[in-house]
C-alpha atoms as a PDB file:
ATOM      1  CA  MET A   1       0.000   0.000   0.000  1.00  0.00           C
ATOM      2  CA  ALA A   2       1.343   3.398  -0.923  1.00  0.00           C
ATOM      3  CA  ALA A   3       2.231   5.718   1.927  1.00  0.00           C
ATOM      4  CA  VAL A   4      -0.358   8.349   2.743  1.00  0.00           C
ATOM      5  CA  ASP A   5       0.899  11.768   3.793  1.00  0.00           C
ATOM      6  CA  ARG A   6      -2.295  13.144   5.276  1.00  0.00           C
ATOM      7  CA  ALA A   7      -5.390  11.730   6.932  1.00  0.00           C
ATOM      8  CA  LEU A   8      -8.924  13.077   6.699  1.00  0.00           C
ATOM      9  CA  CYS A   9     -10.002  13.616  10.307  1.00  0.00           C
ATOM     10  CA  VAL A  10     -13.781  13.521  10.491  1.00  0.00           C
ATOM     11  CA  ILE A  11     -15.057  14.902  13.776  1.00  0.00           C
ATOM     12  CA  ALA A  12     -18.573  13.510  13.775  1.00  0.00           C
ATOM     13  CA  ARG A  13     -20.724  11.170  15.803  1.00  0.00           C
ATOM     14  CA  SER A  14     -21.769   9.198  12.745  1.00  0.00           C
ATOM     15  CA  SER A  15     -19.360   7.427  10.426  1.00  0.00           C
ATOM     16  CA  THR A  16     -22.202   7.154   7.893  1.00  0.00           C
ATOM     17  CA  VAL A  17     -21.796  10.828   7.039  1.00  0.00           C
ATOM     18  CA  ALA A  18     -18.034  10.513   6.878  1.00  0.00           C
ATOM     19  CA  MET A  19     -18.087   7.577   4.516  1.00  0.00           C
ATOM     20  CA  ARG A  20     -19.935   9.562   1.863  1.00  0.00           C
ATOM     21  CA  LEU A  21     -16.523  10.970   1.023  1.00  0.00           C
ATOM     22  CA  ALA A  22     -14.726   7.643   0.757  1.00  0.00           C
ATOM     23  CA  PRO A  23     -15.659   6.174  -2.656  1.00  0.00           C
ATOM     24  CA  GLY A  24     -13.226   7.074  -5.385  1.00  0.00           C
ATOM     25  CA  ARG A  25     -10.779   8.831  -3.069  1.00  0.00           C
ATOM     26  CA  GLY A  26      -7.810   6.575  -3.729  1.00  0.00           C
ATOM     27  CA  ASP A  27      -5.397   5.541  -0.972  1.00  0.00           C
ATOM     28  CA  ARG A  28      -6.296   7.626   2.033  1.00  0.00           C
ATOM     29  CA  ARG A  29      -6.635   7.227   5.776  1.00  0.00           C
ATOM     30  CA  LEU A  30      -9.984   8.216   7.173  1.00  0.00           C
ATOM     31  CA  LEU A  31      -9.794   9.033  10.860  1.00  0.00           C
ATOM     32  CA  LEU A  32     -13.109   8.962  12.683  1.00  0.00           C
ATOM     33  CA  SER A  33     -13.128  11.096  15.812  1.00  0.00           C
ATOM     34  CA  TYR A  34     -15.891  11.579  18.326  1.00  0.00           C
ATOM     35  CA  SER A  35     -15.450  15.179  19.358  1.00  0.00           C
ATOM     36  CA  VAL A  36     -13.094  14.835  22.321  1.00  0.00           C
ATOM     37  CA  GLN A  37      -9.824  13.424  20.988  1.00  0.00           C
ATOM     38  CA  VAL A  38      -7.578  14.235  18.053  1.00  0.00           C
ATOM     39  CA  PRO A  39      -5.042  11.427  17.736  1.00  0.00           C
ATOM     40  CA  LEU A  40      -2.245  11.024  17.316  1.00  0.00           C
ATOM     41  CA  ALA A  41      -0.460  13.957  18.889  1.00  0.00           C
ATOM     42  CA  ALA A  42       2.675  13.128  16.921  1.00  0.00           C
ATOM     43  CA  GLU A  43       0.668  13.055  13.680  1.00  0.00           C
ATOM     44  CA  TYR A  44      -1.510  16.091  14.353  1.00  0.00           C
ATOM     45  CA  GLY A  45       0.098  18.090  11.553  1.00  0.00           C
ATOM     46  CA  SER A  46      -0.919  15.464   8.997  1.00  0.00           C
ATOM     47  CA  LEU A  47      -4.648  15.720   9.730  1.00  0.00           C
ATOM     48  CA  VAL A  48      -7.199  17.329   7.416  1.00  0.00           C
ATOM     49  CA  PHE A  49     -10.289  18.313   9.408  1.00  0.00           C
ATOM     50  CA  TRP A  50     -13.838  17.950   8.124  1.00  0.00           C
ATOM     51  CA  MET A  51     -16.193  18.901  10.945  1.00  0.00           C
ATOM     52  CA  ALA A  52     -19.086  20.968  12.233  1.00  0.00           C
ATOM     53  CA  ASP A  53     -18.210  24.513  13.236  1.00  0.00           C
ATOM     54  CA  ALA A  54     -19.161  23.671  16.826  1.00  0.00           C
ATOM     55  CA  TYR A  55     -16.243  21.238  16.928  1.00  0.00           C
ATOM     56  CA  ALA A  56     -14.006  23.777  15.211  1.00  0.00           C
ATOM     57  CA  ALA A  57     -14.800  26.176  18.053  1.00  0.00           C
ATOM     58  CA  ARG A  58     -13.772  23.512  20.549  1.00  0.00           C
ATOM     59  CA  LEU A  59     -10.476  23.026  18.714  1.00  0.00           C
ATOM     60  CA  HIS A  60     -10.034  26.811  18.795  1.00  0.00           C
ATOM     61  CA  VAL A  61     -10.585  26.949  22.555  1.00  0.00           C
ATOM     62  CA  ALA A  62      -8.130  24.072  23.031  1.00  0.00           C
ATOM     63  CA  GLY A  63      -5.515  25.816  20.894  1.00  0.00           C
ATOM     64  CA  LEU A  64      -5.631  22.989  18.334  1.00  0.00           C
ATOM     65  CA  ALA A  65      -7.475  24.592  15.435  1.00  0.00           C
ATOM     66  CA  PRO A  66      -5.618  24.667  12.107  1.00  0.00           C
ATOM     67  CA  ALA A  67      -5.570  27.766   9.879  1.00  0.00           C
ATOM     68  CA  LEU A  68      -9.169  27.337   8.741  1.00  0.00           C
ATOM     69  CA  LEU A  69     -10.342  29.328   5.735  1.00  0.00           C
ATOM     70  CA  ALA A  70     -13.943  30.527   5.550  1.00  0.00           C
ATOM     71  CA  PRO A  71     -16.057  33.222   3.912  1.00  0.00           C
ATOM     72  CA  ALA A  72     -16.418  36.250   6.149  1.00  0.00           C
ATOM     73  CA  TRP A  73     -19.590  36.013   8.245  1.00  0.00           C
ATOM     74  CA  ASP A  74     -21.059  39.060   6.474  1.00  0.00           C
ATOM     75  CA  TRP A  75     -19.726  38.189   3.005  1.00  0.00           C
ATOM     76  CA  VAL A  76     -23.103  37.793   1.321  1.00  0.00           C
ATOM     77  CA  SER A  77     -23.996  41.361   2.346  1.00  0.00           C
ATOM     78  CA  THR A  78     -20.958  42.740   0.544  1.00  0.00           C
ATOM     79  CA  ILE A  79     -21.545  41.362  -2.936  1.00  0.00           C
ATOM     80  CA  ASP A  80     -23.560  42.841  -5.785  1.00  0.00           C
ATOM     81  CA  PRO A  81     -27.312  42.433  -5.030  1.00  0.00           C
ATOM     82  CA  ASP A  82     -27.751  41.577  -8.701  1.00  0.00           C
ATOM     83  CA  LEU A  83     -26.099  38.239  -7.886  1.00  0.00           C
ATOM     84  CA  THR A  84     -28.276  37.569  -4.827  1.00  0.00           C
ATOM     85  CA  GLY A  85     -31.605  39.028  -5.975  1.00  0.00           C
ATOM     86  CA  ARG A  86     -32.141  40.605  -2.572  1.00  0.00           C
ATOM     87  CA  HIS A  87     -30.720  43.034  -0.042  1.00  0.00           C
ATOM     88  CA  VAL A  88     -29.037  41.040   2.720  1.00  0.00           C
ATOM     89  CA  VAL A  89     -28.267  42.790   6.007  1.00  0.00           C
ATOM     90  CA  SER A  90     -25.653  41.340   8.367  1.00  0.00           C
ATOM     91  CA  THR A  91     -25.971  42.494  11.959  1.00  0.00           C
ATOM     92  CA  THR A  92     -26.375  41.194  15.493  1.00  0.00           C
ATOM     93  CA  MET A  93     -29.534  39.767  16.997  1.00  0.00           C
ATOM     94  CA  ASP A  94     -30.068  42.748  19.291  1.00  0.00           C
ATOM     95  CA  GLN A  95     -30.088  45.016  16.218  1.00  0.00           C
ATOM     96  CA  LEU A  96     -32.667  42.964  14.337  1.00  0.00           C
ATOM     97  CA  PRO A  97     -35.603  45.214  13.363  1.00  0.00           C
ATOM     98  CA  GLU A  98     -39.203  44.351  14.147  1.00  0.00           C
ATOM     99  CA  GLY A  99     -41.284  42.654  11.490  1.00  0.00           C
ATOM    100  CA  ARG A 100     -41.573  39.540   9.379  1.00  0.00           C
ATOM    101  CA  MET A 101     -38.551  38.608   7.306  1.00  0.00           C
ATOM    102  CA  PHE A 102     -36.199  35.852   6.253  1.00  0.00           C
ATOM    103  CA  VAL A 103     -33.607  35.571   9.016  1.00  0.00           C
ATOM    104  CA  LYS A 104     -30.859  33.141   9.938  1.00  0.00           C
ATOM    105  CA  PRO A 105     -27.931  32.875  12.346  1.00  0.00           C
ATOM    106  CA  ALA A 106     -24.895  33.901  10.328  1.00  0.00           C
ATOM    107  CA  LEU A 107     -22.611  31.252  11.821  1.00  0.00           C
ATOM    108  CA  LEU A 108     -24.420  29.108  14.359  1.00  0.00           C
ATOM    109  CA  LYS A 109     -26.632  26.116  13.702  1.00  0.00           C
ATOM    110  CA  LEU A 110     -29.468  26.403  16.219  1.00  0.00           C
ATOM    111  CA  VAL A 111     -32.139  23.741  16.582  1.00  0.00           C
ATOM    112  CA  GLU A 112     -34.706  26.173  17.970  1.00  0.00           C
ATOM    113  CA  CYS A 113     -34.350  28.793  15.229  1.00  0.00           C
ATOM    114  CA  PRO A 114     -33.187  27.481  11.858  1.00  0.00           C
ATOM    115  CA  ALA A 115     -32.994  29.729   8.809  1.00  0.00           C
ATOM    116  CA  GLY A 116     -36.472  30.655   7.619  1.00  0.00           C
ATOM    117  CA  ILE A 117     -39.290  33.179   7.604  1.00  0.00           C
ATOM    118  CA  TRP A 118     -39.743  34.575  11.098  1.00  0.00           C
ATOM    119  CA  ASP A 119     -41.331  37.323  13.076  1.00  0.00           C
ATOM    120  CA  SER A 120     -38.191  38.901  14.515  1.00  0.00           C
ATOM    121  CA  GLY A 121     -39.505  38.780  18.073  1.00  0.00           C
ATOM    122  CA  ASP A 122     -40.229  35.060  17.766  1.00  0.00           C
ATOM    123  CA  PHE A 123     -36.757  34.517  16.334  1.00  0.00           C
ATOM    124  CA  ARG A 124     -35.081  36.281  19.263  1.00  0.00           C
ATOM    125  CA  ARG A 125     -37.073  34.305  21.820  1.00  0.00           C
ATOM    126  CA  ALA A 126     -36.258  31.004  20.086  1.00  0.00           C
ATOM    127  CA  ALA A 127     -32.565  31.887  19.841  1.00  0.00           C
ATOM    128  CA  ARG A 128     -32.395  32.756  23.546  1.00  0.00           C
ATOM    129  CA  ARG A 129     -34.022  29.440  24.426  1.00  0.00           C
ATOM    130  CA  ASP A 130     -31.165  27.842  22.491  1.00  0.00           C
ATOM    131  CA  GLY A 131     -28.559  29.740  24.506  1.00  0.00           C
ATOM    132  CA  ALA A 132     -27.744  32.561  22.082  1.00  0.00           C
ATOM    133  CA  GLY A 133     -27.183  36.099  23.312  1.00  0.00           C
ATOM    134  CA  GLY A 134     -27.931  39.458  21.771  1.00  0.00           C
ATOM    135  CA  SER A 135     -24.479  39.653  20.175  1.00  0.00           C
ATOM    136  CA  MET A 136     -25.129  36.604  18.005  1.00  0.00           C
ATOM    137  CA  ARG A 137     -24.465  37.475  14.368  1.00  0.00           C
ATOM    138  CA  VAL A 138     -27.450  37.180  12.068  1.00  0.00           C
ATOM    139  CA  GLN A 139     -28.449  37.918   8.483  1.00  0.00           C
ATOM    140  CA  TYR A 140     -31.863  39.017   7.352  1.00  0.00           C
ATOM    141  CA  THR A 141     -33.689  40.191   4.266  1.00  0.00           C
ATOM    142  CA  PRO A 142     -37.215  41.626   4.016  1.00  0.00           C
ATOM    143  CA  GLN A 143     -37.613  40.091   0.544  1.00  0.00           C
ATOM    144  CA  ILE A 144     -39.066  36.594   0.580  1.00  0.00           C
ATOM    145  CA  LEU A 145     -37.790  34.502  -2.328  1.00  0.00           C
ATOM    146  CA  ARG A 146     -39.245  31.251  -3.609  1.00  0.00           C
ATOM    147  CA  LEU A 147     -36.213  29.157  -4.515  1.00  0.00           C
ATOM    148  CA  ASP A 148     -35.899  25.826  -6.306  1.00  0.00           C
ATOM    149  CA  HIS A 149     -33.176  23.650  -7.839  1.00  0.00           C
ATOM    150  CA  GLU A 150     -30.793  24.541  -5.036  1.00  0.00           C
ATOM    151  CA  HIS A 151     -27.224  23.429  -5.781  1.00  0.00           C
ATOM    152  CA  ARG A 152     -23.933  23.382  -3.899  1.00  0.00           C
ATOM    153  CA  PHE A 153     -20.656  23.962  -5.717  1.00  0.00           C
ATOM    154  CA  VAL A 154     -17.085  23.574  -4.518  1.00  0.00           C
ATOM    155  CA  VAL A 155     -15.070  26.666  -5.413  1.00  0.00           C
ATOM    156  CA  ARG A 156     -11.299  26.827  -5.247  1.00  0.00           C
ATOM    157  CA  ASP A 157      -9.086  29.632  -6.564  1.00  0.00           C
ATOM    158  CA  GLY A 158     -11.749  30.998  -8.877  1.00  0.00           C
ATOM    159  CA  GLN A 159     -12.700  27.611 -10.322  1.00  0.00           C
ATOM    160  CA  VAL A 160     -15.888  25.600  -9.832  1.00  0.00           C
ATOM    161  CA  LEU A 161     -14.629  22.067  -9.223  1.00  0.00           C
ATOM    162  CA  THR A 162     -17.733  19.963  -8.586  1.00  0.00           C
ATOM    163  CA  GLY A 163     -21.344  20.344  -7.531  1.00  0.00           C
ATOM    164  CA  SER A 164     -24.565  18.686  -6.515  1.00  0.00           C
ATOM    165  CA  PRO A 165     -28.247  19.505  -6.157  1.00  0.00           C
ATOM    166  CA  TYR A 166     -29.369  19.531  -2.529  1.00  0.00           C
ATOM    167  CA  ARG A 167     -33.021  20.611  -2.677  1.00  0.00           C
ATOM    168  CA  VAL A 168     -35.377  20.198  -5.620  1.00  0.00           C
ATOM    169  CA  ALA A 169     -39.145  20.776  -5.579  1.00  0.00           C
ATOM    170  CA  GLY A 170     -39.081  20.810  -1.781  1.00  0.00           C
ATOM    171  CA  ARG A 171     -37.230  17.500  -1.538  1.00  0.00           C
ATOM    172  CA  ALA A 172     -34.018  17.517   0.490  1.00  0.00           C
ATOM    173  CA  TRP A 173     -30.873  15.755  -0.657  1.00  0.00           C
ATOM    174  CA  HIS A 174     -30.752  11.992  -0.898  1.00  0.00           C
ATOM    175  CA  ARG A 175     -28.500   9.793  -2.988  1.00  0.00           C
ATOM    176  CA  SER A 176     -30.903   9.630  -5.936  1.00  0.00           C
ATOM    177  CA  LEU A 177     -31.864  13.326  -5.994  1.00  0.00           C
ATOM    178  CA  VAL A 178     -31.466  14.883  -9.439  1.00  0.00           C
ATOM    179  CA  SER A 179     -32.267  18.224 -11.016  1.00  0.00           C
ATOM    180  CA  GLY A 180     -33.070  18.905 -14.636  1.00  0.00           C
ATOM    181  CA  ARG A 181     -31.420  22.319 -14.241  1.00  0.00           C
ATOM    182  CA  SER A 182     -27.961  21.269 -13.045  1.00  0.00           C
ATOM    183  CA  ALA A 183     -26.250  22.458 -16.241  1.00  0.00           C
ATOM    184  CA  ASP A 184     -27.853  25.884 -15.837  1.00  0.00           C
ATOM    185  CA  ALA A 185     -26.848  26.006 -12.181  1.00  0.00           C
ATOM    186  CA  LEU A 186     -23.238  25.195 -13.070  1.00  0.00           C
ATOM    187  CA  ALA A 187     -23.156  27.855 -15.800  1.00  0.00           C
ATOM    188  CA  PHE A 188     -24.450  30.473 -13.356  1.00  0.00           C
ATOM    189  CA  ALA A 189     -22.012  29.428 -10.622  1.00  0.00           C
ATOM    190  CA  ARG A 190     -19.088  29.841 -13.026  1.00  0.00           C
ATOM    191  CA  THR A 191     -20.374  33.233 -14.181  1.00  0.00           C
ATOM    192  CA  ALA A 192     -20.909  34.393 -10.582  1.00  0.00           C
ATOM    193  CA  VAL A 193     -17.431  33.312  -9.460  1.00  0.00           C
ATOM    194  CA  GLN A 194     -15.898  35.128 -12.417  1.00  0.00           C
ATOM    195  CA  ALA A 195     -17.925  38.271 -11.655  1.00  0.00           C
ATOM    196  CA  LEU A 196     -16.885  38.179  -7.991  1.00  0.00           C
ATOM    197  CA  GLY A 197     -13.199  37.978  -8.830  1.00  0.00           C
ATOM    198  CA  GLU A 198     -11.062  38.629  -5.758  1.00  0.00           C
ATOM    199  CA  ASP A 199     -14.227  39.090  -3.682  1.00  0.00           C
ATOM    200  CA  CYS A 200     -14.920  35.368  -4.000  1.00  0.00           C
ATOM    201  CA  PRO A 201     -13.561  33.323  -1.082  1.00  0.00           C
ATOM    202  CA  PRO A 202     -10.525  31.299  -2.241  1.00  0.00           C
ATOM    203  CA  VAL A 203     -12.171  28.060  -1.074  1.00  0.00           C
ATOM    204  CA  CYS A 204     -15.821  27.647  -0.135  1.00  0.00           C
ATOM    205  CA  SER A 205     -19.064  25.851  -0.755  1.00  0.00           C
ATOM    206  CA  LEU A 206     -21.166  28.188  -2.886  1.00  0.00           C
ATOM    207  CA  ASP A 207     -24.929  27.608  -2.847  1.00  0.00           C
ATOM    208  CA  VAL A 208     -27.025  28.839  -5.766  1.00  0.00           C
ATOM    209  CA  ALA A 209     -30.694  28.455  -6.636  1.00  0.00           C
ATOM    210  CA  LEU A 210     -33.355  29.368  -9.170  1.00  0.00           C
ATOM    211  CA  ASP A 211     -35.791  32.118  -8.172  1.00  0.00           C
ATOM    212  CA  ARG A 212     -39.167  30.708  -9.185  1.00  0.00           C
ATOM    213  CA  ASP A 213     -40.770  34.140  -9.588  1.00  0.00           C
ATOM    214  CA  SER A 214     -38.130  35.923 -11.670  1.00  0.00           C
ATOM    215  CA  GLY A 215     -36.602  32.874 -13.371  1.00  0.00           C
ATOM    216  CA  ARG A 216     -33.139  34.123 -12.392  1.00  0.00           C
ATOM    217  CA  TRP A 217     -30.308  32.120 -10.860  1.00  0.00           C
ATOM    218  CA  LEU A 218     -29.049  33.632  -7.610  1.00  0.00           C
ATOM    219  CA  ILE A 219     -26.353  33.150  -4.990  1.00  0.00           C
ATOM    220  CA  VAL A 220     -27.922  31.872  -1.777  1.00  0.00           C
ATOM    221  CA  GLU A 221     -24.851  31.852   0.482  1.00  0.00           C
ATOM    222  CA  ALA A 222     -21.295  30.627   0.890  1.00  0.00           C
ATOM    223  CA  ASN A 223     -20.049  28.443   3.738  1.00  0.00           C
ATOM    224  CA  PRO A 224     -16.766  26.995   5.005  1.00  0.00           C
ATOM    225  CA  LEU A 225     -16.080  23.901   2.930  1.00  0.00           C
ATOM    226  CA  TRP A 226     -14.650  22.050   5.940  1.00  0.00           C
ATOM    227  CA  ALA A 227     -18.071  22.373   7.639  1.00  0.00           C
ATOM    228  CA  SER A 228     -20.216  21.630   4.568  1.00  0.00           C
ATOM    229  CA  GLY A 229     -21.966  18.468   3.485  1.00  0.00           C
ATOM    230  CA  PRO A 230     -20.651  16.963   0.239  1.00  0.00           C
ATOM    231  CA  TYR A 231     -24.010  15.741  -1.045  1.00  0.00           C
ATOM    232  CA  SER A 232     -23.201  14.138  -4.410  1.00  0.00           C
ATOM    233  CA  CYS A 233     -20.072  16.179  -5.112  1.00  0.00           C
ATOM    234  CA  ASP A 234     -17.042  14.394  -6.500  1.00  0.00           C
ATOM    235  CA  PRO A 235     -15.336  13.095  -3.321  1.00  0.00           C
ATOM    236  CA  VAL A 236     -11.786  13.480  -4.642  1.00  0.00           C
ATOM    237  CA  ARG A 237     -12.214  17.139  -5.541  1.00  0.00           C
ATOM    238  CA  PHE A 238     -14.202  17.808  -2.383  1.00  0.00           C
ATOM    239  CA  VAL A 239     -11.574  16.403  -0.016  1.00  0.00           C
ATOM    240  CA  ASP A 240      -8.684  18.024  -1.877  1.00  0.00           C
ATOM    241  CA  ALA A 241     -10.385  21.422  -1.543  1.00  0.00           C
ATOM    242  CA  VAL A 242     -11.115  20.779   2.144  1.00  0.00           C
ATOM    243  CA  GLU A 243      -7.404  20.163   2.636  1.00  0.00           C
ATOM    244  CA  VAL A 244      -6.593  23.571   1.151  1.00  0.00           C
ATOM    245  CA  ALA A 245      -9.251  25.188   3.363  1.00  0.00           C
ATOM    246  CA  ASN A 246      -7.451  23.708   6.396  1.00  0.00           C
ATOM    247  CA  THR A 247      -4.190  25.512   5.711  1.00  0.00           C
ATOM    248  CA  THR A 248      -4.838  28.867   4.033  1.00  0.00           C
ATOM    249  CA  GLY A 249      -7.103  30.756   6.447  1.00  0.00           C
ATOM    250  CA  THR A 250      -5.356  34.082   6.818  1.00  0.00           C
ATOM    251  CA  GLY A 251      -6.310  37.751   6.712  1.00  0.00           C
ATOM    252  CA  ARG A 252      -9.781  38.430   5.359  1.00  0.00           C
ATOM    253  CA  TRP A 253     -10.544  34.731   4.970  1.00  0.00           C
ATOM    254  CA  ALA A 254      -9.391  33.493   8.389  1.00  0.00           C
ATOM    255  CA  TRP A 255     -12.134  31.690  10.322  1.00  0.00           C
ATOM    256  CA  THR A 256     -12.658  32.597  13.963  1.00  0.00           C
ATOM    257  CA  PRO A 257     -15.594  31.557  16.140  1.00  0.00           C
ATOM    258  CA  GLU A 258     -17.994  34.134  17.474  1.00  0.00           C
ATOM    259  CA  GLU A 259     -18.653  34.754  21.158  1.00  0.00           C
ATOM    260  CA  THR A 260     -21.628  32.392  21.424  1.00  0.00           C
ATOM    261  CA  GLN A 261     -19.625  29.573  19.822  1.00  0.00           C
ATOM    262  CA  ILE A 262     -16.720  30.119  22.225  1.00  0.00           C
ATOM    263  CA  ASP A 263     -19.035  30.150  25.239  1.00  0.00           C
ATOM    264  CA  ARG A 264     -20.602  26.877  24.112  1.00  0.00           C
ATOM    265  CA  ALA A 265     -17.222  25.307  23.420  1.00  0.00           C
ATOM    266  CA  ARG A 266     -15.995  26.145  26.913  1.00  0.00           C
ATOM    267  CA  ARG A 267     -19.009  24.384  28.425  1.00  0.00           C
ATOM    268  CA  GLU A 268     -18.347  21.198  26.426  1.00  0.00           C
ATOM    269  CA  GLU A 269     -15.771  18.540  27.148  1.00  0.00           C
ATOM    270  CA  PRO A 270     -12.578  19.928  25.602  1.00  0.00           C
ATOM    271  CA  VAL A 271     -10.907  18.467  22.549  1.00  0.00           C
ATOM    272  CA  VAL A 272      -7.457  17.134  23.395  1.00  0.00           C
ATOM    273  CA  ALA A 273      -4.519  15.793  21.406  1.00  0.00           C
ATOM    274  CA  VAL A 274      -3.550  12.357  22.700  1.00  0.00           C
ATOM    275  CA  SER A 275      -0.458  10.209  22.314  1.00  0.00           C
ATOM    276  CA  ARG A 276      -2.325   6.970  21.642  1.00  0.00           C
ATOM    277  CA  ASP A 277      -5.156   6.113  19.269  1.00  0.00           C
ATOM    278  CA  ASP A 278      -7.541   4.640  21.857  1.00  0.00           C
ATOM    279  CA  ALA A 279     -10.981   6.111  21.168  1.00  0.00           C
ATOM    280  CA  THR A 280     -10.902   6.607  17.424  1.00  0.00           C
ATOM    281  CA  GLY A 281      -9.830   4.664  14.393  1.00  0.00           C
ATOM    282  CA  TYR A 282      -8.201   4.864  10.981  1.00  0.00           C
ATOM    283  CA  VAL A 283      -9.962   3.272   8.022  1.00  0.00           C
ATOM    284  CA  GLU A 284      -8.132   2.733   4.731  1.00  0.00           C
ATOM    285  CA  PHE A 285     -10.188   3.226   1.603  1.00  0.00           C
ATOM    286  CA  HIS A 286      -9.319   2.908  -2.053  1.00  0.00           C
ATOM    287  CA  GLY A 287     -10.696   4.038  -5.390  1.00  0.00           C
END
């Protein structure tokens, strides 16, 4: 077996999710972690992390986080509204105006208040029940769009590498999900990335969708690739881009957790680097 220089470290409680990335990856070690250990301490520098941002915050608190690259939390508010089809405001929860709007936590994933159409007062109450404070970063838009044929694309250095539909006609992603508009989605994603130029994150998952009312393709959002689901993306290109996003997070594109994430991470059992591989395991997989 050929030597493998780096291992994909999947910090997740389910190996089922992790193994979506395995087929076609070639010789690679897949390290399954369960949120509290990052083995082996001597091999820490050879790990490529694919994880939820909650775990990334725990690595940050423990002083173990790599140089993670991510779109700025308010990035979508800075780009041309012609590409988004709406005016997106990035602010904090305590600055959220009254009224009914589309609103979402900018960084957190909260069970009580997922992205959606909310009365702002209801959103604040739900977020507080989930432990968020007034400084939590949020994004909102008063325009309510009806989106379909939602696709995710992997972007690296101005190139669209691979993509997948993730919601079509109200149906969420599953292995057999297809869209008859995937070619159009890809063409728009390439055009959007070119139009963004240096304002496009060097590595990210870029979500686009078709506005059912205007018939236009629009950018929905961009997320850290190391915290994004691969759906049906090409696993080789996905993992290779995740590796880059683990090592190039500097300046404008450096990921840092927000206050609520840090507070949560400090309340959880800390992530530690250990000298022995006791609680996790390597799995070899081949193309």
